[in-house]
Amino acid sequence: MKALSLTFQILLALTSYSRAECMSKDELFTGFRMNLQKAIDIVPSDQADPVASLVTNTDMLEKVLAANEQIPSSYCISLSKEGDYLGMVAASGDAGATVKAVTFINEDIDTKVKYASTALALAKPSLEVKVTVQTLSGIVEERGLDVSLTPLLFANEPPLFPFNDQSSPTTSYVPPGRYQLRGEKAGIVECVKDNVGVGLNGEHEQALQCVHQ
């Protein structure tokens, strides 16, 4: 029953986020650290290295973002969801699953730290990557698809970052990270691409293709 309860909670969390105005930085990181502490409490000492790394990267991201007047809502959505997910997995009592979640989230936050550190050094910094997606059926452009990017941790769940306009092409702004790219029509998945890197090498603009075979 515990596993079912955890799954249900996660599904609820996955459908509860929107591009609302970002909460304050203090609220965002206080909430994240509360969930991180749950992971610290459950992970055995001989597996604690990923947790310690996540603590360090969380501190670094907060310091980097402190230089920006307002955090983009996409960062708030991403960090809030990751924090809630981490807290729920830790609450399940599964140390192994918690370590896996910590490892993925740590990689994601490390990517954001590196990207934001570089971006904020520019005259007109942008903490998000401009992503343009072309959808194809074989080699022919396919139009009218609802495109989204969702962090790999939440792959195959409701889209976290849906694009405002249908393809093709269509453009949106998302934080750097690793994603599942999807194109859907009337709720049916027409194309999907996993482990799509966005901004991993500091790119500020990126073009992607989603191909329906």
Protein backbone atom coordinates (compact mmCIF):
# COMPACT_ATOMS: atom_id res chain seq x y z
CA MET A 1 0.00 0.00 0.00
CA LYS A 2 2.89 2.33 0.71
CA ALA A 3 4.13 2.07 -2.90
CA LEU A 4 0.67 2.76 -4.29
CA SER A 5 0.28 5.72 -1.97
CA LEU A 6 3.65 7.12 -3.05
CA THR A 7 2.81 6.68 -6.74
CA PHE A 8 -0.51 8.44 -6.26
CA GLN A 9 1.16 11.34 -4.47
CA ILE A 10 3.75 11.68 -7.22
CA LEU A 11 1.10 11.69 -9.94
CA LEU A 12 -0.77 14.40 -8.08
CA ALA A 13 2.41 16.45 -7.80
CA LEU A 14 3.17 15.99 -11.49
CA THR A 15 -0.15 17.53 -12.49
CA SER A 16 -0.15 20.42 -10.01
CA TYR A 17 2.43 22.77 -11.54
CA SER A 18 1.88 25.65 -13.93
CA ARG A 19 3.80 28.67 -15.14
CA ALA A 20 2.59 30.74 -12.24
CA GLU A 21 4.62 33.59 -10.83
CA CYS A 22 7.67 32.32 -9.03
CA MET A 23 7.71 32.13 -5.26
CA SER A 24 10.45 34.06 -3.47
CA LYS A 25 13.97 32.66 -3.59
CA ASP A 26 13.93 32.10 0.16
CA GLU A 27 10.69 30.11 -0.02
CA LEU A 28 11.90 28.10 -3.00
CA PHE A 29 15.19 27.03 -1.46
CA THR A 30 13.78 26.60 2.05
CA GLY A 31 11.22 24.15 0.68
CA PHE A 32 13.82 22.33 -1.38
CA ARG A 33 16.16 21.97 1.60
CA MET A 34 13.36 20.60 3.78
CA ASN A 35 12.90 17.76 1.28
CA LEU A 36 16.65 17.34 0.90
CA GLN A 37 16.91 16.85 4.67
CA LYS A 38 14.48 13.92 4.39
CA ALA A 39 16.92 12.31 1.97
CA ILE A 40 19.85 13.01 4.29
CA ASP A 41 17.99 11.29 7.11
CA ILE A 42 17.33 8.07 5.19
CA VAL A 43 20.45 7.53 3.06
CA PRO A 44 23.12 5.28 4.69
CA SER A 45 26.46 6.94 5.43
CA ASP A 46 28.31 4.72 2.94
CA GLN A 47 26.06 6.09 0.14
CA ALA A 48 26.06 9.70 1.28
CA ASP A 49 28.41 11.17 -1.35
CA PRO A 50 25.63 12.05 -3.87
CA VAL A 51 23.64 13.71 -1.09
CA ALA A 52 26.64 15.78 0.03
CA SER A 53 27.21 16.83 -3.59
CA LEU A 54 23.56 17.87 -3.92
CA VAL A 55 23.83 19.97 -0.75
CA THR A 56 26.85 21.76 -2.22
CA ASN A 57 25.24 22.33 -5.62
CA THR A 58 22.03 23.60 -4.02
CA ASP A 59 24.04 26.19 -2.09
CA MET A 60 25.90 27.16 -5.26
CA LEU A 61 22.71 27.54 -7.31
CA GLU A 62 21.15 29.75 -4.65
CA LYS A 63 24.22 31.99 -4.65
CA VAL A 64 24.32 32.20 -8.44
CA LEU A 65 20.60 33.01 -8.70
CA ALA A 66 20.93 35.63 -5.98
CA ALA A 67 22.56 37.81 -8.64
CA ASN A 68 19.36 37.72 -10.70
CA GLU A 69 16.46 39.96 -9.67
CA GLN A 70 13.84 37.31 -10.41
CA ILE A 71 14.10 33.60 -11.02
CA PRO A 72 12.37 32.46 -14.22
CA SER A 73 9.16 30.56 -13.48
CA SER A 74 10.59 27.54 -15.31
CA TYR A 75 13.32 27.25 -12.67
CA CYS A 76 10.72 27.45 -9.92
CA ILE A 77 8.64 24.72 -11.56
CA SER A 78 11.65 22.47 -12.03
CA LEU A 79 13.15 22.91 -8.55
CA SER A 80 9.80 22.70 -6.76
CA LYS A 81 8.87 19.49 -8.55
CA GLU A 82 12.25 17.91 -7.97
CA GLY A 83 12.17 18.84 -4.30
CA ASP A 84 8.66 17.48 -3.82
CA TYR A 85 9.56 14.27 -5.64
CA LEU A 86 12.70 13.82 -3.52
CA GLY A 87 10.71 14.35 -0.34
CA MET A 88 8.06 11.83 -1.34
CA VAL A 89 10.59 9.16 -2.35
CA ALA A 90 12.50 9.63 0.93
CA ALA A 91 9.23 9.43 2.86
CA SER A 92 8.59 6.01 1.31
CA GLY A 93 11.57 4.66 3.23
CA ASP A 94 13.31 3.33 0.11
CA ALA A 95 16.96 4.36 0.50
CA GLY A 96 17.96 2.95 -2.91
CA ALA A 97 15.28 4.90 -4.76
CA THR A 98 16.21 7.99 -2.78
CA VAL A 99 19.86 7.72 -3.83
CA LYS A 100 18.81 7.36 -7.47
CA ALA A 101 16.58 10.44 -7.20
CA VAL A 102 19.36 12.41 -5.51
CA THR A 103 21.83 11.43 -8.22
CA PHE A 104 19.55 12.58 -11.05
CA ILE A 105 18.54 15.81 -9.32
CA ASN A 106 22.15 16.59 -8.44
CA GLU A 107 23.18 16.26 -12.09
CA ASP A 108 20.31 18.54 -13.10
CA ILE A 109 21.16 21.23 -10.55
CA ASP A 110 24.86 21.01 -11.40
CA THR A 111 23.92 21.70 -15.03
CA LYS A 112 21.88 24.73 -13.97
CA VAL A 113 24.72 26.05 -11.80
CA LYS A 114 27.21 25.91 -14.68
CA TYR A 115 24.77 27.40 -17.17
CA ALA A 116 23.62 30.23 -14.90
CA SER A 117 27.18 31.07 -13.86
CA THR A 118 28.13 31.55 -17.51
CA ALA A 119 24.91 33.31 -18.50
CA LEU A 120 25.03 35.89 -15.72
CA ALA A 121 28.49 36.95 -16.87
CA LEU A 122 26.95 38.27 -20.11
CA ALA A 123 25.70 41.81 -20.64
CA LYS A 124 22.12 40.56 -21.23
CA PRO A 125 21.91 37.33 -19.28
CA SER A 126 19.25 34.70 -19.93
CA LEU A 127 18.89 31.75 -17.58
CA GLU A 128 16.78 29.83 -20.09
CA VAL A 129 17.58 28.18 -23.41
CA LYS A 130 15.58 29.16 -26.49
CA VAL A 131 14.50 25.83 -28.00
CA THR A 132 12.96 25.49 -31.46
CA VAL A 133 11.43 22.12 -32.35
CA GLN A 134 10.66 20.79 -35.82
CA THR A 135 8.31 17.79 -35.98
CA LEU A 136 8.65 15.31 -38.83
CA SER A 137 6.85 12.25 -40.16
CA GLY A 138 9.76 10.42 -41.71
CA ILE A 139 11.44 13.18 -43.73
CA VAL A 140 8.26 15.24 -44.21
CA GLU A 141 7.44 18.07 -41.83
CA GLU A 142 4.41 17.27 -39.70
CA ARG A 143 2.35 20.20 -38.45
CA GLY A 144 -0.21 20.63 -35.71
CA LEU A 145 1.52 18.70 -32.91
CA ASP A 146 1.51 19.74 -29.26
CA VAL A 147 5.18 19.78 -28.28
CA SER A 148 6.60 19.49 -24.78
CA LEU A 149 9.83 18.97 -22.89
CA THR A 150 9.75 17.06 -19.60
CA PRO A 151 12.77 16.30 -17.38
CA LEU A 152 13.89 12.67 -17.72
CA LEU A 153 13.06 12.04 -14.07
CA PHE A 154 9.40 12.56 -15.01
CA ALA A 155 9.46 10.99 -18.48
CA ASN A 156 6.11 9.70 -19.80
CA GLU A 157 4.23 11.74 -17.20
CA PRO A 158 2.13 14.86 -17.95
CA PRO A 159 4.30 17.47 -19.75
CA LEU A 160 6.19 19.82 -17.48
CA PHE A 161 7.08 22.40 -20.14
CA PRO A 162 4.45 22.43 -22.92
CA PHE A 163 5.14 24.81 -25.81
CA ASN A 164 2.52 27.51 -26.29
CA ASP A 165 2.18 27.04 -30.06
CA GLN A 166 1.73 23.89 -32.12
CA SER A 167 4.41 22.71 -34.52
CA SER A 168 6.06 23.03 -36.83
CA PRO A 169 8.33 24.70 -35.99
CA THR A 170 7.52 25.90 -32.50
CA THR A 171 9.69 27.71 -29.95
CA SER A 172 9.81 27.95 -26.17
CA TYR A 173 12.22 28.75 -23.35
CA VAL A 174 13.28 26.11 -20.80
CA PRO A 175 16.03 25.67 -18.20
CA PRO A 176 19.10 23.67 -19.18
CA GLY A 177 18.89 19.95 -18.44
CA ARG A 178 18.11 16.51 -19.85
CA TYR A 179 14.60 16.01 -21.19
CA GLN A 180 12.10 13.78 -22.89
CA LEU A 181 10.85 15.52 -26.04
CA ARG A 182 7.32 14.66 -27.11
CA GLY A 183 4.97 15.62 -29.92
CA GLU A 184 1.28 14.76 -29.48
CA LYS A 185 -1.88 15.15 -31.52
CA ALA A 186 -5.26 14.89 -29.80
CA GLY A 187 -3.52 13.31 -26.80
CA ILE A 188 -1.83 10.60 -28.90
CA VAL A 189 1.96 10.55 -28.85
CA GLU A 190 3.20 10.93 -32.43
CA CYS A 191 6.91 11.28 -31.71
CA VAL A 192 9.14 10.93 -28.67
CA LYS A 193 12.85 11.36 -28.06
CA ASP A 194 14.52 10.55 -24.73
CA ASN A 195 17.64 11.94 -23.10
CA VAL A 196 17.62 15.19 -25.05
CA GLY A 197 20.32 17.52 -23.75
CA VAL A 198 19.40 21.20 -23.63
CA GLY A 199 22.03 23.82 -22.89
CA LEU A 200 24.52 21.23 -21.65
CA ASN A 201 27.39 23.00 -23.41
CA GLY A 202 26.19 26.51 -22.59
CA GLU A 203 24.04 26.95 -25.72
CA HIS A 204 21.58 29.85 -25.51
CA GLU A 205 19.63 28.66 -28.56
CA GLN A 206 19.05 25.12 -29.71
CA ALA A 207 17.19 23.40 -32.57
CA LEU A 208 15.66 19.95 -32.05
CA GLN A 209 13.79 17.47 -34.23
CA CYS A 210 11.07 15.06 -33.15
CA VAL A 211 10.55 12.36 -35.79
CA HIS A 212 7.44 10.19 -36.14
CA GLN A 213 8.70 6.94 -37.70
